[in-house]
Amino acid sequence: MPEEPIADPEVSVAAVDRASTERFGSLRRDLSITSFGLNQMVLQPGERGRIHSHEHQEEVYVVLEGQLTLSVEGKERVLGPDELVRVGPSVRRQVINAGPEPLVLLALGGSGEHVGRDAHAWADWDEDGPGRPPQEVPAPEDLPRA
């Protein structure tokens, strides 16, 4: 059964392109994100990003595939798939693919204080009203296992 597209201007979908020949792709633009940055980076073996820092934005790098050699103020740390690292705004950093395989990572950036605990939850789709704090709504039953 084909998936029915979600027809809501507040919902957008994008995909990570692991085979991209572009080093840098803005997923933020594809998804119309306005509150933080989200970029895809694909580096082939031996490729490096620019040495850079930010005035306000902290960044998190999420390694999806390959090995990230992250140079921070000239000191290197290697991270593999499913590992993440946060780098503060003023710290100089450089992403490097010193490995033998393509490196695919997500770079998330933002500044300002995170607004947490602002969610609303409902027990089912038929429930009316403004919702309740998620911790007050029981988790739904899991789907049957195949």
N, C-alpha and C. Protein backbone atom coordinates (compact mmCIF):
# COMPACT_ATOMS: atom_id res chain seq x y z
N MET A 1 0.85 -1.17 0.00
CA MET A 1 0.00 0.00 0.00
C MET A 1 0.90 1.24 0.00
N PRO A 2 0.75 2.12 -0.99
CA PRO A 2 1.61 3.32 -1.05
C PRO A 2 1.30 4.28 0.10
N GLU A 3 2.34 4.97 0.52
CA GLU A 3 2.16 5.96 1.59
C GLU A 3 1.41 7.17 1.05
N GLU A 4 0.50 7.67 1.87
CA GLU A 4 -0.23 8.87 1.50
C GLU A 4 0.59 10.07 1.96
N PRO A 5 0.87 11.02 1.07
CA PRO A 5 1.66 12.18 1.49
C PRO A 5 0.93 13.00 2.54
N ILE A 6 1.68 13.58 3.44
CA ILE A 6 1.10 14.44 4.47
C ILE A 6 0.91 15.82 3.85
N ALA A 7 -0.33 16.23 3.75
CA ALA A 7 -0.65 17.52 3.14
C ALA A 7 -0.79 18.57 4.23
N ASP A 8 0.34 19.05 4.72
CA ASP A 8 0.35 20.07 5.77
C ASP A 8 1.54 20.97 5.53
N PRO A 9 1.32 22.28 5.40
CA PRO A 9 2.45 23.18 5.13
C PRO A 9 3.48 23.21 6.26
N GLU A 10 3.14 22.69 7.44
CA GLU A 10 4.07 22.67 8.56
C GLU A 10 4.89 21.39 8.62
N VAL A 11 4.76 20.52 7.62
CA VAL A 11 5.51 19.26 7.58
C VAL A 11 6.27 19.21 6.27
N SER A 12 7.58 18.95 6.34
CA SER A 12 8.38 18.80 5.14
C SER A 12 9.30 17.59 5.30
N VAL A 13 9.68 17.01 4.19
CA VAL A 13 10.47 15.78 4.19
C VAL A 13 11.68 15.97 3.29
N ALA A 14 12.82 15.43 3.71
CA ALA A 14 14.04 15.43 2.90
C ALA A 14 14.75 14.11 3.17
N ALA A 15 15.79 13.85 2.41
CA ALA A 15 16.56 12.62 2.59
C ALA A 15 18.04 12.93 2.54
N VAL A 16 18.80 12.18 3.31
CA VAL A 16 20.25 12.26 3.24
C VAL A 16 20.67 11.56 1.95
N ASP A 17 21.50 12.21 1.17
CA ASP A 17 21.99 11.65 -0.09
C ASP A 17 23.43 11.17 0.14
N ARG A 18 23.58 9.93 0.56
CA ARG A 18 24.90 9.38 0.89
C ARG A 18 25.81 9.30 -0.33
N ALA A 19 25.25 9.29 -1.54
CA ALA A 19 26.05 9.20 -2.75
C ALA A 19 26.30 10.56 -3.39
N SER A 20 25.98 11.63 -2.68
CA SER A 20 26.15 12.97 -3.24
C SER A 20 27.60 13.24 -3.62
N THR A 21 27.77 13.96 -4.72
CA THR A 21 29.12 14.38 -5.12
C THR A 21 29.41 15.78 -4.59
N GLU A 22 28.42 16.41 -3.95
CA GLU A 22 28.60 17.72 -3.34
C GLU A 22 29.11 17.54 -1.92
N ARG A 23 30.09 18.31 -1.52
CA ARG A 23 30.62 18.22 -0.17
C ARG A 23 29.62 18.71 0.87
N PHE A 24 28.80 19.68 0.50
CA PHE A 24 27.96 20.37 1.46
C PHE A 24 26.57 20.53 0.89
N GLY A 25 25.55 20.16 1.65
CA GLY A 25 24.18 20.35 1.22
C GLY A 25 23.33 20.85 2.37
N SER A 26 22.53 21.86 2.12
CA SER A 26 21.69 22.46 3.17
C SER A 26 20.37 21.73 3.29
N LEU A 27 20.25 20.88 4.29
CA LEU A 27 18.97 20.25 4.58
C LEU A 27 18.02 21.24 5.23
N ARG A 28 18.58 22.25 5.87
CA ARG A 28 17.76 23.30 6.50
C ARG A 28 16.85 23.94 5.45
N ARG A 29 17.40 24.28 4.32
CA ARG A 29 16.59 24.90 3.26
C ARG A 29 15.55 23.92 2.73
N ASP A 30 15.99 22.66 2.49
CA ASP A 30 15.07 21.65 1.95
C ASP A 30 13.87 21.45 2.88
N LEU A 31 14.11 21.57 4.19
CA LEU A 31 13.05 21.33 5.17
C LEU A 31 12.38 22.61 5.68
N SER A 32 12.84 23.77 5.21
CA SER A 32 12.32 25.07 5.65
C SER A 32 12.49 25.28 7.15
N ILE A 33 13.63 24.83 7.69
CA ILE A 33 13.94 25.01 9.12
C ILE A 33 14.36 26.46 9.33
N THR A 34 13.84 27.08 10.39
CA THR A 34 14.20 28.47 10.67
C THR A 34 14.89 28.64 12.02
N SER A 35 14.87 27.63 12.90
CA SER A 35 15.39 27.83 14.26
C SER A 35 16.76 27.23 14.50
N PHE A 36 17.28 26.44 13.57
CA PHE A 36 18.63 25.88 13.71
C PHE A 36 19.11 25.47 12.32
N GLY A 37 20.42 25.25 12.21
CA GLY A 37 20.99 24.82 10.95
C GLY A 37 21.08 23.31 10.87
N LEU A 38 20.92 22.76 9.69
CA LEU A 38 21.07 21.33 9.46
C LEU A 38 21.64 21.13 8.07
N ASN A 39 22.85 20.58 8.03
CA ASN A 39 23.53 20.39 6.75
C ASN A 39 24.04 18.96 6.65
N GLN A 40 24.13 18.50 5.42
CA GLN A 40 24.74 17.21 5.11
C GLN A 40 26.12 17.49 4.56
N MET A 41 27.09 16.71 4.99
CA MET A 41 28.43 16.80 4.41
C MET A 41 28.84 15.42 3.94
N VAL A 42 29.37 15.34 2.73
CA VAL A 42 29.91 14.10 2.18
C VAL A 42 31.33 14.41 1.73
N LEU A 43 32.29 13.80 2.41
CA LEU A 43 33.70 14.00 2.06
C LEU A 43 34.28 12.68 1.57
N GLN A 44 34.92 12.74 0.43
CA GLN A 44 35.61 11.58 -0.11
C GLN A 44 36.95 11.43 0.62
N PRO A 45 37.58 10.25 0.55
CA PRO A 45 38.87 10.07 1.22
C PRO A 45 39.86 11.18 0.87
N GLY A 46 40.45 11.78 1.88
CA GLY A 46 41.43 12.85 1.71
C GLY A 46 40.84 14.25 1.68
N GLU A 47 39.54 14.39 1.57
CA GLU A 47 38.93 15.72 1.52
C GLU A 47 38.80 16.30 2.92
N ARG A 48 38.88 17.64 2.99
CA ARG A 48 38.77 18.36 4.26
C ARG A 48 37.85 19.55 4.10
N GLY A 49 37.21 19.93 5.20
CA GLY A 49 36.44 21.16 5.23
C GLY A 49 37.35 22.31 5.65
N ARG A 50 36.81 23.51 5.63
CA ARG A 50 37.57 24.69 6.05
C ARG A 50 37.77 24.71 7.56
N ILE A 51 38.88 25.26 8.01
CA ILE A 51 39.05 25.57 9.43
C ILE A 51 38.13 26.75 9.71
N HIS A 52 37.26 26.60 10.70
CA HIS A 52 36.29 27.67 10.96
C HIS A 52 35.86 27.68 12.42
N SER A 53 35.23 28.76 12.80
CA SER A 53 34.56 28.88 14.10
C SER A 53 33.31 29.72 13.86
N HIS A 54 32.56 29.96 14.92
CA HIS A 54 31.34 30.75 14.81
C HIS A 54 31.32 31.81 15.90
N GLU A 55 30.58 32.86 15.68
CA GLU A 55 30.41 33.88 16.72
C GLU A 55 29.43 33.41 17.78
N HIS A 56 28.33 32.78 17.37
CA HIS A 56 27.27 32.43 18.31
C HIS A 56 26.86 30.95 18.26
N GLN A 57 27.07 30.32 17.13
CA GLN A 57 26.47 29.00 16.89
C GLN A 57 27.36 27.86 17.38
N GLU A 58 26.79 26.99 18.22
CA GLU A 58 27.46 25.74 18.55
C GLU A 58 27.06 24.73 17.49
N GLU A 59 27.91 23.72 17.26
CA GLU A 59 27.61 22.71 16.26
C GLU A 59 27.71 21.32 16.86
N VAL A 60 26.88 20.42 16.32
CA VAL A 60 26.97 19.00 16.63
C VAL A 60 27.17 18.29 15.31
N TYR A 61 28.17 17.43 15.26
CA TYR A 61 28.42 16.60 14.09
C TYR A 61 27.99 15.18 14.43
N VAL A 62 27.17 14.58 13.54
CA VAL A 62 26.68 13.22 13.70
C VAL A 62 27.25 12.41 12.54
N VAL A 63 28.08 11.43 12.85
CA VAL A 63 28.69 10.60 11.82
C VAL A 63 27.71 9.50 11.43
N LEU A 64 27.34 9.47 10.15
CA LEU A 64 26.42 8.45 9.65
C LEU A 64 27.18 7.29 9.01
N GLU A 65 28.29 7.61 8.34
CA GLU A 65 29.03 6.61 7.58
C GLU A 65 30.48 7.06 7.47
N GLY A 66 31.41 6.13 7.57
CA GLY A 66 32.83 6.46 7.44
C GLY A 66 33.41 6.89 8.77
N GLN A 67 34.57 7.56 8.69
CA GLN A 67 35.25 8.04 9.89
C GLN A 67 35.52 9.54 9.77
N LEU A 68 35.11 10.27 10.78
CA LEU A 68 35.37 11.70 10.87
C LEU A 68 36.63 11.91 11.71
N THR A 69 37.60 12.58 11.12
CA THR A 69 38.72 13.07 11.92
C THR A 69 38.40 14.53 12.16
N LEU A 70 38.13 14.87 13.41
CA LEU A 70 37.79 16.24 13.78
C LEU A 70 39.02 16.87 14.39
N SER A 71 39.48 17.94 13.77
CA SER A 71 40.60 18.69 14.31
C SER A 71 40.04 19.88 15.07
N VAL A 72 40.37 19.97 16.35
CA VAL A 72 39.90 21.05 17.21
C VAL A 72 41.14 21.77 17.74
N GLU A 73 41.32 23.02 17.29
CA GLU A 73 42.51 23.79 17.66
C GLU A 73 43.78 22.99 17.39
N GLY A 74 43.77 22.22 16.28
CA GLY A 74 44.95 21.48 15.84
C GLY A 74 45.11 20.10 16.46
N LYS A 75 44.23 19.72 17.38
CA LYS A 75 44.29 18.38 17.99
C LYS A 75 43.18 17.54 17.39
N GLU A 76 43.52 16.29 17.02
CA GLU A 76 42.57 15.45 16.29
C GLU A 76 41.93 14.37 17.15
N ARG A 77 40.67 14.08 16.79
CA ARG A 77 39.90 13.00 17.42
C ARG A 77 39.15 12.30 16.29
N VAL A 78 39.17 10.97 16.29
CA VAL A 78 38.48 10.19 15.25
C VAL A 78 37.17 9.67 15.82
N LEU A 79 36.10 9.86 15.05
CA LEU A 79 34.77 9.38 15.43
C LEU A 79 34.22 8.52 14.30
N GLY A 80 33.49 7.46 14.67
CA GLY A 80 32.92 6.55 13.69
C GLY A 80 31.41 6.68 13.63
N PRO A 81 30.78 5.79 12.85
CA PRO A 81 29.33 5.83 12.69
C PRO A 81 28.60 5.80 14.02
N ASP A 82 27.55 6.58 14.09
CA ASP A 82 26.67 6.69 15.27
C ASP A 82 27.31 7.45 16.42
N GLU A 83 28.47 8.06 16.21
CA GLU A 83 29.07 8.90 17.24
C GLU A 83 28.78 10.35 16.92
N LEU A 84 28.67 11.16 17.99
CA LEU A 84 28.36 12.58 17.87
C LEU A 84 29.38 13.37 18.67
N VAL A 85 29.58 14.61 18.25
CA VAL A 85 30.45 15.51 18.99
C VAL A 85 29.87 16.92 18.92
N ARG A 86 29.95 17.64 20.03
CA ARG A 86 29.52 19.04 20.09
C ARG A 86 30.75 19.91 20.17
N VAL A 87 30.73 21.01 19.41
CA VAL A 87 31.83 21.97 19.42
C VAL A 87 31.25 23.35 19.71
N GLY A 88 31.80 24.02 20.71
CA GLY A 88 31.34 25.36 21.08
C GLY A 88 31.63 26.39 20.00
N PRO A 89 30.93 27.51 20.05
CA PRO A 89 31.00 28.51 18.97
C PRO A 89 32.41 29.01 18.65
N SER A 90 33.17 29.43 19.63
CA SER A 90 34.42 30.12 19.36
C SER A 90 35.59 29.19 19.07
N VAL A 91 35.38 27.89 19.20
CA VAL A 91 36.46 26.91 19.01
C VAL A 91 36.69 26.69 17.51
N ARG A 92 37.96 26.80 17.09
CA ARG A 92 38.27 26.53 15.69
C ARG A 92 38.26 25.02 15.47
N ARG A 93 37.63 24.63 14.34
CA ARG A 93 37.49 23.21 14.03
C ARG A 93 37.61 22.98 12.54
N GLN A 94 37.92 21.72 12.19
CA GLN A 94 38.00 21.32 10.79
C GLN A 94 37.56 19.86 10.70
N VAL A 95 36.68 19.56 9.75
CA VAL A 95 36.28 18.18 9.50
C VAL A 95 37.15 17.61 8.39
N ILE A 96 37.63 16.38 8.61
CA ILE A 96 38.59 15.75 7.70
C ILE A 96 38.17 14.30 7.48
N ASN A 97 38.29 13.84 6.25
CA ASN A 97 38.13 12.42 5.98
C ASN A 97 39.52 11.85 5.69
N ALA A 98 40.16 11.32 6.74
CA ALA A 98 41.46 10.68 6.59
C ALA A 98 41.32 9.19 6.35
N GLY A 99 40.08 8.70 6.31
CA GLY A 99 39.83 7.27 6.15
C GLY A 99 39.77 6.86 4.69
N PRO A 100 39.61 5.54 4.45
CA PRO A 100 39.59 5.01 3.08
C PRO A 100 38.22 5.02 2.42
N GLU A 101 37.17 5.30 3.17
CA GLU A 101 35.80 5.27 2.65
C GLU A 101 35.19 6.66 2.69
N PRO A 102 34.11 6.91 1.92
CA PRO A 102 33.43 8.20 2.01
C PRO A 102 32.94 8.47 3.44
N LEU A 103 32.95 9.73 3.84
CA LEU A 103 32.45 10.19 5.13
C LEU A 103 31.13 10.90 4.89
N VAL A 104 30.08 10.47 5.58
CA VAL A 104 28.79 11.13 5.50
C VAL A 104 28.43 11.56 6.91
N LEU A 105 28.17 12.85 7.08
CA LEU A 105 27.80 13.34 8.41
C LEU A 105 26.75 14.41 8.31
N LEU A 106 26.05 14.61 9.43
CA LEU A 106 25.12 15.72 9.57
C LEU A 106 25.76 16.74 10.49
N ALA A 107 25.62 18.00 10.14
CA ALA A 107 26.09 19.10 10.98
C ALA A 107 24.87 19.90 11.41
N LEU A 108 24.64 19.96 12.72
CA LEU A 108 23.52 20.71 13.28
C LEU A 108 24.10 21.90 14.01
N GLY A 109 23.52 23.07 13.81
CA GLY A 109 24.02 24.27 14.48
C GLY A 109 22.88 25.12 14.99
N GLY A 110 23.14 25.75 16.12
CA GLY A 110 22.14 26.64 16.67
C GLY A 110 22.75 27.56 17.70
N SER A 111 22.02 28.60 18.05
CA SER A 111 22.47 29.52 19.10
C SER A 111 21.26 29.91 19.93
N GLY A 112 21.52 30.40 21.10
CA GLY A 112 20.43 30.77 21.99
C GLY A 112 20.05 29.59 22.87
N GLU A 113 19.23 29.87 23.84
CA GLU A 113 18.82 28.84 24.79
C GLU A 113 17.76 27.93 24.19
N HIS A 114 17.91 26.64 24.46
CA HIS A 114 16.92 25.65 24.02
C HIS A 114 15.64 25.82 24.84
N VAL A 115 14.51 25.75 24.18
CA VAL A 115 13.22 25.81 24.86
C VAL A 115 12.76 24.36 25.02
N GLY A 116 12.84 23.86 26.24
CA GLY A 116 12.45 22.48 26.50
C GLY A 116 11.11 22.39 27.18
N ARG A 117 10.58 21.21 27.20
CA ARG A 117 9.33 20.93 27.90
C ARG A 117 8.17 21.80 27.41
N ASP A 118 8.09 22.03 26.09
CA ASP A 118 6.97 22.81 25.58
C ASP A 118 6.00 21.94 24.77
N ALA A 119 6.11 20.62 24.91
CA ALA A 119 5.27 19.71 24.13
C ALA A 119 3.88 19.54 24.75
N HIS A 120 2.94 19.15 23.92
CA HIS A 120 1.58 18.79 24.34
C HIS A 120 1.32 17.39 23.79
N ALA A 121 0.62 16.56 24.54
CA ALA A 121 0.37 15.18 24.12
C ALA A 121 -1.10 14.81 24.30
N TRP A 122 -1.54 13.83 23.49
CA TRP A 122 -2.89 13.31 23.53
C TRP A 122 -2.82 11.79 23.58
N ALA A 123 -3.79 11.18 24.23
CA ALA A 123 -3.81 9.72 24.34
C ALA A 123 -4.21 9.05 23.03
N ASP A 124 -5.03 9.71 22.21
CA ASP A 124 -5.41 9.16 20.91
C ASP A 124 -5.85 10.30 20.00
N TRP A 125 -6.06 9.98 18.73
CA TRP A 125 -6.39 11.00 17.73
C TRP A 125 -7.76 11.62 17.95
N ASP A 126 -8.63 10.95 18.68
CA ASP A 126 -9.99 11.46 18.92
C ASP A 126 -10.06 12.40 20.12
N GLU A 127 -9.01 12.49 20.89
CA GLU A 127 -9.00 13.35 22.08
C GLU A 127 -8.98 14.82 21.67
N ASP A 128 -9.90 15.59 22.23
CA ASP A 128 -9.97 17.03 21.94
C ASP A 128 -9.22 17.81 23.01
N GLY A 129 -9.12 19.09 22.79
CA GLY A 129 -8.52 19.96 23.79
C GLY A 129 -7.07 20.28 23.49
N PRO A 130 -6.48 21.08 24.36
CA PRO A 130 -5.14 21.59 24.11
C PRO A 130 -4.02 20.57 24.38
N GLY A 131 -4.35 19.40 24.85
CA GLY A 131 -3.33 18.42 25.16
C GLY A 131 -2.80 18.62 26.58
N ARG A 132 -1.96 17.69 27.00
CA ARG A 132 -1.40 17.70 28.34
C ARG A 132 0.11 17.55 28.25
N PRO A 133 0.83 17.83 29.32
CA PRO A 133 2.27 17.55 29.30
C PRO A 133 2.50 16.06 29.00
N PRO A 134 3.46 15.72 28.15
CA PRO A 134 3.67 14.32 27.76
C PRO A 134 3.82 13.35 28.94
N GLN A 135 4.46 13.78 30.01
CA GLN A 135 4.65 12.89 31.15
C GLN A 135 3.33 12.53 31.83
N GLU A 136 2.25 13.23 31.51
CA GLU A 136 0.94 12.93 32.08
C GLU A 136 0.10 12.00 31.19
N VAL A 137 0.60 11.70 29.99
CA VAL A 137 -0.14 10.85 29.05
C VAL A 137 0.58 9.50 28.97
N PRO A 138 -0.14 8.41 29.25
CA PRO A 138 0.50 7.09 29.19
C PRO A 138 1.01 6.80 27.77
N ALA A 139 2.12 6.08 27.69
CA ALA A 139 2.64 5.68 26.38
C ALA A 139 1.64 4.72 25.73
N PRO A 140 1.46 4.78 24.42
CA PRO A 140 0.51 3.88 23.76
C PRO A 140 1.03 2.45 23.75
N GLU A 141 0.11 1.51 23.51
CA GLU A 141 0.52 0.12 23.35
C GLU A 141 1.39 0.00 22.11
N ASP A 142 2.39 -0.87 22.18
CA ASP A 142 3.26 -1.10 21.02
C ASP A 142 2.51 -1.85 19.95
N LEU A 143 2.98 -1.75 18.72
CA LEU A 143 2.41 -2.52 17.62
C LEU A 143 2.71 -4.00 17.84
N PRO A 144 1.87 -4.87 17.32
CA PRO A 144 2.16 -6.31 17.45
C PRO A 144 3.47 -6.64 16.72
N ARG A 145 4.23 -7.55 17.30
CA ARG A 145 5.49 -7.96 16.66
C ARG A 145 5.20 -8.94 15.54
N ALA A 146 5.95 -8.81 14.46
CA ALA A 146 5.74 -9.68 13.30
C ALA A 146 6.29 -11.07 13.53
